[in-house]
PDB file of N, CA and C in Angstrom:
ATOM      1  N   MET A   1     111.988 206.567  58.556  1.00  0.00           N
ATOM      2  CA  MET A   1     111.019 207.862  58.137  1.00  0.00           C
ATOM      3  C   MET A   1     110.212 207.259  56.917  1.00  0.00           C
ATOM      4  N   SER A   2     108.948 207.559  56.924  1.00  0.00           N
ATOM      5  CA  SER A   2     108.046 207.166  55.679  1.00  0.00           C
ATOM      6  C   SER A   2     107.514 208.637  55.048  1.00  0.00           C
ATOM      7  N   LEU A   3     107.372 208.542  53.933  1.00  0.00           N
ATOM      8  CA  LEU A   3     106.901 209.801  53.054  1.00  0.00           C
ATOM      9  C   LEU A   3     105.359 209.724  52.824  1.00  0.00           C
ATOM     10  N   PRO A   4     104.647 210.561  52.841  1.00  0.00           N
ATOM     11  CA  PRO A   4     103.263 210.586  52.557  1.00  0.00           C
ATOM     12  C   PRO A   4     102.871 210.146  51.011  1.00  0.00           C
ATOM     13  N   ASP A   5     101.851 209.637  50.752  1.00  0.00           N
ATOM     14  CA  ASP A   5     101.771 209.208  49.476  1.00  0.00           C
ATOM     15  C   ASP A   5     101.379 210.235  48.509  1.00  0.00           C
ATOM     16  N   LEU A   6     101.383 210.095  47.203  1.00  0.00           N
ATOM     17  CA  LEU A   6     101.170 211.336  46.350  1.00  0.00           C
ATOM     18  C   LEU A   6      99.775 212.023  46.646  1.00  0.00           C
ATOM     19  N   GLY A   7      98.680 211.103  46.855  1.00  0.00           N
ATOM     20  CA  GLY A   7      97.260 211.876  47.083  1.00  0.00           C
ATOM     21  C   GLY A   7      97.255 212.507  48.167  1.00  0.00           C
ATOM     22  N   THR A   8      98.145 212.224  49.342  1.00  0.00           N
ATOM     23  CA  THR A   8      97.986 213.122  50.597  1.00  0.00           C
ATOM     24  C   THR A   8      98.566 214.366  50.255  1.00  0.00           C
ATOM     25  N   MET A   9      99.657 214.152  49.662  1.00  0.00           N
ATOM     26  CA  MET A   9     100.659 215.522  49.292  1.00  0.00           C
ATOM     27  C   MET A   9      99.741 216.562  48.456  1.00  0.00           C
ATOM     28  N   VAL A  10      99.102 215.904  47.265  1.00  0.00           N
ATOM     29  CA  VAL A  10      98.334 216.707  46.539  1.00  0.00           C
ATOM     30  C   VAL A  10      97.306 217.394  47.263  1.00  0.00           C
ATOM     31  N   SER A  11      96.580 216.827  48.082  1.00  0.00           N
ATOM     32  CA  SER A  11      95.326 217.325  49.009  1.00  0.00           C
ATOM     33  C   SER A  11      95.904 218.460  49.789  1.00  0.00           C
ATOM     34  N   ALA A  12      96.979 218.282  50.352  1.00  0.00           N
ATOM     35  CA  ALA A  12      97.632 219.051  51.192  1.00  0.00           C
ATOM     36  C   ALA A  12      97.740 220.543  50.359  1.00  0.00           C
ATOM     37  N   LEU A  13      98.436 220.175  49.285  1.00  0.00           N
ATOM     38  CA  LEU A  13      98.965 221.236  48.494  1.00  0.00           C
ATOM     39  C   LEU A  13      97.742 222.076  47.979  1.00  0.00           C
ATOM     40  N   VAL A  14      96.575 221.440  47.561  1.00  0.00           N
ATOM     41  CA  VAL A  14      95.294 221.997  47.013  1.00  0.00           C
ATOM     42  C   VAL A  14      94.826 222.855  48.260  1.00  0.00           C
ATOM     43  N   ASP A  15      94.934 222.506  49.302  1.00  0.00           N
ATOM     44  CA  ASP A  15      94.366 223.085  50.620  1.00  0.00           C
ATOM     45  C   ASP A  15      95.203 224.543  50.655  1.00  0.00           C
ATOM     46  N   LEU A  16      96.387 224.481  50.478  1.00  0.00           N
ATOM     47  CA  LEU A  16      97.377 225.601  50.633  1.00  0.00           C
ATOM     48  C   LEU A  16      97.020 226.576  49.442  1.00  0.00           C
ATOM     49  N   PHE A  17      96.784 225.880  48.209  1.00  0.00           N
ATOM     50  CA  PHE A  17      96.830 226.902  47.021  1.00  0.00           C
ATOM     51  C   PHE A  17      95.480 227.781  47.071  1.00  0.00           C
ATOM     52  N   SER A  18      94.464 227.256  47.593  1.00  0.00           N
ATOM     53  CA  SER A  18      93.035 227.833  47.852  1.00  0.00           C
ATOM     54  C   SER A  18      93.230 229.311  48.490  1.00  0.00           C
ATOM     55  N   SER A  19      94.137 229.260  49.388  1.00  0.00           N
ATOM     56  CA  SER A  19      94.161 230.596  50.126  1.00  0.00           C
ATOM     57  C   SER A  19      95.455 231.421  49.862  1.00  0.00           C
ATOM     58  N   ALA A  20      96.314 230.922  48.903  1.00  0.00           N
ATOM     59  CA  ALA A  20      97.466 231.665  48.573  1.00  0.00           C
ATOM     60  C   ALA A  20      97.325 232.857  47.366  1.00  0.00           C
ATOM     61  N   ASP A  21      97.996 233.861  47.901  1.00  0.00           N
ATOM     62  CA  ASP A  21      97.858 235.054  46.786  1.00  0.00           C
ATOM     63  C   ASP A  21      98.613 234.727  45.522  1.00  0.00           C
ATOM     64  N   TYR A  22      99.856 233.987  45.709  1.00  0.00           N
ATOM     65  CA  TYR A  22     100.704 233.697  44.540  1.00  0.00           C
ATOM     66  C   TYR A  22     101.147 232.281  44.752  1.00  0.00           C
ATOM     67  N   ILE A  23     101.212 231.439  43.918  1.00  0.00           N
ATOM     68  CA  ILE A  23     101.672 230.259  43.764  1.00  0.00           C
ATOM     69  C   ILE A  23     103.066 230.081  43.084  1.00  0.00           C
ATOM     70  N   VAL A  24     104.058 229.676  43.629  1.00  0.00           N
ATOM     71  CA  VAL A  24     105.417 229.678  42.938  1.00  0.00           C
ATOM     72  C   VAL A  24     105.806 228.216  42.954  1.00  0.00           C
ATOM     73  N   VAL A  25     106.055 227.703  41.791  1.00  0.00           N
ATOM     74  CA  VAL A  25     106.752 226.171  41.789  1.00  0.00           C
ATOM     75  C   VAL A  25     107.962 226.323  41.098  1.00  0.00           C
ATOM     76  N   GLY A  26     108.883 225.523  41.632  1.00  0.00           N
ATOM     77  CA  GLY A  26     110.368 225.345  41.202  1.00  0.00           C
ATOM     78  C   GLY A  26     110.629 223.956  40.646  1.00  0.00           C
ATOM     79  N   GLY A  27     111.312 223.779  39.662  1.00  0.00           N
ATOM     80  CA  GLY A  27     111.710 222.435  39.164  1.00  0.00           C
ATOM     81  C   GLY A  27     113.249 222.640  38.610  1.00  0.00           C
ATOM     82  N   HIS A  28     113.745 221.479  38.083  1.00  0.00           N
ATOM     83  CA  HIS A  28     114.854 221.466  37.511  1.00  0.00           C
ATOM     84  C   HIS A  28     114.802 221.711  36.036  1.00  0.00           C
ATOM     85  N   HIS A  29     114.083 221.025  35.262  1.00  0.00           N
ATOM     86  CA  HIS A  29     113.910 221.171  33.936  1.00  0.00           C
ATOM     87  C   HIS A  29     112.736 222.151  33.543  1.00  0.00           C
ATOM     88  N   PRO A  30     112.866 223.049  32.511  1.00  0.00           N
ATOM     89  CA  PRO A  30     111.909 223.878  32.077  1.00  0.00           C
ATOM     90  C   PRO A  30     110.892 223.331  31.303  1.00  0.00           C
ATOM     91  N   VAL A  31     109.541 223.995  31.366  1.00  0.00           N
ATOM     92  CA  VAL A  31     108.403 223.347  30.459  1.00  0.00           C
ATOM     93  C   VAL A  31     108.639 223.893  29.173  1.00  0.00           C
ATOM     94  N   TYR A  32     109.094 225.305  29.035  1.00  0.00           N
ATOM     95  CA  TYR A  32     109.194 225.983  27.698  1.00  0.00           C
ATOM     96  C   TYR A  32     110.849 226.407  27.698  1.00  0.00           C
ATOM     97  N   SER A  33     111.510 226.455  26.806  1.00  0.00           N
ATOM     98  CA  SER A  33     112.744 226.837  26.780  1.00  0.00           C
ATOM     99  C   SER A  33     113.414 227.081  25.339  1.00  0.00           C
ATOM    100  N   VAL A  34     114.421 228.034  25.110  1.00  0.00           N
ATOM    101  CA  VAL A  34     114.894 228.143  23.785  1.00  0.00           C
ATOM    102  C   VAL A  34     116.345 227.979  24.063  1.00  0.00           C
ATOM    103  N   GLY A  35     116.742 227.582  25.391  1.00  0.00           N
ATOM    104  CA  GLY A  35     118.154 227.329  25.564  1.00  0.00           C
ATOM    105  C   GLY A  35     118.712 225.986  24.784  1.00  0.00           C
ATOM    106  N   LYS A  36     119.674 225.737  25.349  1.00  0.00           N
ATOM    107  CA  LYS A  36     120.798 224.605  24.736  1.00  0.00           C
ATOM    108  C   LYS A  36     119.841 223.328  25.055  1.00  0.00           C
ATOM    109  N   HIS A  37     119.470 223.052  25.971  1.00  0.00           N
ATOM    110  CA  HIS A  37     118.688 221.751  26.299  1.00  0.00           C
ATOM    111  C   HIS A  37     117.254 221.839  25.803  1.00  0.00           C
ATOM    112  N   GLY A  38     116.708 222.789  25.285  1.00  0.00           N
ATOM    113  CA  GLY A  38     115.383 222.932  24.882  1.00  0.00           C
ATOM    114  C   GLY A  38     114.294 222.585  25.834  1.00  0.00           C
ATOM    115  N   PRO A  39     112.976 222.752  25.573  1.00  0.00           N
ATOM    116  CA  PRO A  39     111.855 222.502  26.434  1.00  0.00           C
ATOM    117  C   PRO A  39     111.755 221.160  26.477  1.00  0.00           C
ATOM    118  N   SER A  40     110.885 220.696  27.619  1.00  0.00           N
ATOM    119  CA  SER A  40     110.704 219.180  28.181  1.00  0.00           C
ATOM    120  C   SER A  40     109.202 219.130  27.645  1.00  0.00           C
ATOM    121  N   THR A  41     109.075 218.130  26.530  1.00  0.00           N
ATOM    122  CA  THR A  41     107.741 217.860  25.913  1.00  0.00           C
ATOM    123  C   THR A  41     107.117 217.131  27.066  1.00  0.00           C
ATOM    124  N   CYS A  42     107.734 216.025  27.841  1.00  0.00           N
ATOM    125  CA  CYS A  42     107.084 215.281  28.972  1.00  0.00           C
ATOM    126  C   CYS A  42     106.588 216.159  30.067  1.00  0.00           C
ATOM    127  N   LEU A  43     107.133 217.117  30.415  1.00  0.00           N
ATOM    128  CA  LEU A  43     106.746 218.195  31.518  1.00  0.00           C
ATOM    129  C   LEU A  43     105.625 218.941  30.853  1.00  0.00           C
ATOM    130  N   ARG A  44     105.761 219.605  29.612  1.00  0.00           N
ATOM    131  CA  ARG A  44     104.501 220.308  28.934  1.00  0.00           C
ATOM    132  C   ARG A  44     103.448 219.445  29.064  1.00  0.00           C
ATOM    133  N   ARG A  45     103.463 218.054  28.635  1.00  0.00           N
ATOM    134  CA  ARG A  45     102.326 217.157  28.555  1.00  0.00           C
ATOM    135  C   ARG A  45     101.704 216.876  30.066  1.00  0.00           C
ATOM    136  N   LYS A  46     102.468 216.765  31.042  1.00  0.00           N
ATOM    137  CA  LYS A  46     102.109 216.098  32.596  1.00  0.00           C
ATOM    138  C   LYS A  46     101.819 217.182  33.293  1.00  0.00           C
ATOM    139  N   LEU A  47     102.846 218.312  33.317  1.00  0.00           N
ATOM    140  CA  LEU A  47     102.920 219.287  34.260  1.00  0.00           C
ATOM    141  C   LEU A  47     101.993 220.615  33.916  1.00  0.00           C
ATOM    142  N   GLU A  48     102.084 220.849  32.731  1.00  0.00           N
ATOM    143  CA  GLU A  48     101.455 222.087  32.396  1.00  0.00           C
ATOM    144  C   GLU A  48     100.136 222.228  32.713  1.00  0.00           C
ATOM    145  N   PRO A  49      99.168 221.026  32.423  1.00  0.00           N
ATOM    146  CA  PRO A  49      97.964 221.249  32.778  1.00  0.00           C
ATOM    147  C   PRO A  49      97.584 221.348  34.279  1.00  0.00           C
ATOM    148  N   LEU A  50      98.428 220.991  35.096  1.00  0.00           N
ATOM    149  CA  LEU A  50      98.302 221.130  36.601  1.00  0.00           C
ATOM    150  C   LEU A  50      98.651 222.600  36.967  1.00  0.00           C
ATOM    151  N   LEU A  51      99.802 223.111  36.331  1.00  0.00           N
ATOM    152  CA  LEU A  51      99.933 224.603  36.455  1.00  0.00           C
ATOM    153  C   LEU A  51      98.855 225.378  36.315  1.00  0.00           C
ATOM    154  N   HIS A  52      98.204 224.969  35.150  1.00  0.00           N
ATOM    155  CA  HIS A  52      96.959 225.854  34.809  1.00  0.00           C
ATOM    156  C   HIS A  52      95.694 225.479  35.691  1.00  0.00           C
ATOM    157  N   THR A  53      95.584 224.297  36.067  1.00  0.00           N
ATOM    158  CA  THR A  53      94.450 224.024  36.973  1.00  0.00           C
ATOM    159  C   THR A  53      94.526 224.655  38.129  1.00  0.00           C
ATOM    160  N   TYR A  54      95.516 224.807  38.945  1.00  0.00           N
ATOM    161  CA  TYR A  54      95.970 225.225  40.179  1.00  0.00           C
ATOM    162  C   TYR A  54      96.292 226.765  40.102  1.00  0.00           C
ATOM    163  N   GLY A  55      96.325 227.298  39.114  1.00  0.00           N
ATOM    164  CA  GLY A  55      96.525 228.741  39.086  1.00  0.00           C
ATOM    165  C   GLY A  55      98.028 229.129  39.412  1.00  0.00           C
ATOM    166  N   VAL A  56      98.792 228.427  39.084  1.00  0.00           N
ATOM    167  CA  VAL A  56     100.285 228.671  39.517  1.00  0.00           C
ATOM    168  C   VAL A  56     100.530 230.013  38.830  1.00  0.00           C
ATOM    169  N   SER A  57     101.267 230.864  39.560  1.00  0.00           N
ATOM    170  CA  SER A  57     101.673 232.139  39.083  1.00  0.00           C
ATOM    171  C   SER A  57     103.041 232.224  38.433  1.00  0.00           C
ATOM    172  N   VAL A  58     103.969 231.454  39.042  1.00  0.00           N
ATOM    173  CA  VAL A  58     105.462 231.453  38.214  1.00  0.00           C
ATOM    174  C   VAL A  58     105.963 230.028  38.465  1.00  0.00           C
ATOM    175  N   TYR A  59     106.535 229.422  37.387  1.00  0.00           N
ATOM    176  CA  TYR A  59     107.289 228.123  37.531  1.00  0.00           C
ATOM    177  C   TYR A  59     108.651 228.464  37.184  1.00  0.00           C
ATOM    178  N   ILE A  60     109.729 228.263  38.257  1.00  0.00           N
ATOM    179  CA  ILE A  60     111.115 228.592  37.943  1.00  0.00           C
ATOM    180  C   ILE A  60     111.731 227.337  37.728  1.00  0.00           C
ATOM    181  N   ALA A  61     112.590 227.301  36.681  1.00  0.00           N
ATOM    182  CA  ALA A  61     113.688 226.141  36.481  1.00  0.00           C
ATOM    183  C   ALA A  61     114.868 226.646  36.083  1.00  0.00           C
ATOM    184  N   GLY A  62     116.016 225.830  36.177  1.00  0.00           N
ATOM    185  CA  GLY A  62     117.431 226.104  36.173  1.00  0.00           C
ATOM    186  C   GLY A  62     118.130 225.507  35.193  1.00  0.00           C
ATOM    187  N   HIS A  63     117.545 224.361  34.482  1.00  0.00           N
ATOM    188  CA  HIS A  63     118.431 223.482  33.692  1.00  0.00           C
ATOM    189  C   HIS A  63     119.212 224.084  32.704  1.00  0.00           C
ATOM    190  N   ASP A  64     118.756 225.079  31.891  1.00  0.00           N
ATOM    191  CA  ASP A  64     119.487 225.869  30.974  1.00  0.00           C
ATOM    192  C   ASP A  64     120.441 226.891  31.275  1.00  0.00           C
ATOM    193  N   HIS A  65     120.458 227.331  32.572  1.00  0.00           N
ATOM    194  CA  HIS A  65     121.590 228.125  33.043  1.00  0.00           C
ATOM    195  C   HIS A  65     121.501 229.622  32.342  1.00  0.00           C
ATOM    196  N   ASN A  66     120.322 229.870  31.985  1.00  0.00           N
ATOM    197  CA  ASN A  66     120.092 231.309  31.389  1.00  0.00           C
ATOM    198  C   ASN A  66     118.741 231.947  31.909  1.00  0.00           C
ATOM    199  N   VAL A  67     118.636 233.053  31.447  1.00  0.00           N
ATOM    200  CA  VAL A  67     117.297 233.792  32.081  1.00  0.00           C
ATOM    201  C   VAL A  67     116.313 233.767  30.776  1.00  0.00           C
ATOM    202  N   GLN A  68     115.043 233.387  30.938  1.00  0.00           N
ATOM    203  CA  GLN A  68     113.851 233.476  29.888  1.00  0.00           C
ATOM    204  C   GLN A  68     112.795 233.577  30.731  1.00  0.00           C
ATOM    205  N   VAL A  69     111.875 234.676  30.280  1.00  0.00           N
ATOM    206  CA  VAL A  69     110.717 234.786  30.724  1.00  0.00           C
ATOM    207  C   VAL A  69     109.605 234.695  29.567  1.00  0.00           C
ATOM    208  N   TRP A  70     108.594 233.987  30.028  1.00  0.00           N
ATOM    209  CA  TRP A  70     107.560 233.523  28.928  1.00  0.00           C
ATOM    210  C   TRP A  70     106.239 234.202  29.769  1.00  0.00           C
ATOM    211  N   SER A  71     105.305 234.489  29.115  1.00  0.00           N
ATOM    212  CA  SER A  71     103.891 234.836  29.538  1.00  0.00           C
ATOM    213  C   SER A  71     102.996 233.954  28.691  1.00  0.00           C
ATOM    214  N   ILE A  72     102.525 232.964  29.501  1.00  0.00           N
ATOM    215  CA  ILE A  72     101.654 232.098  28.566  1.00  0.00           C
ATOM    216  C   ILE A  72     100.085 232.432  29.076  1.00  0.00           C
ATOM    217  N   ILE A  73      99.395 232.666  27.982  1.00  0.00           N
ATOM    218  CA  ILE A  73      97.989 233.047  27.962  1.00  0.00           C
ATOM    219  C   ILE A  73      97.162 231.829  27.818  1.00  0.00           C
TER     220      ILE A  73
END
């Protein structure tokens, strides 16, 4: 089994995003957190711009095992 290259996957996702009412992304580590493990500066630097660029509605992460709600403007 072969996996598609990153460019192919990104192109497919961009096509899907353009017609979506909401975009929900899930990951293990949070971009922002006040929990025990804290935020991920690497994710903030690399992922956050993509979340904004593609209009992601919700990013869900579970690493800190608690509930935090952030509204980024």
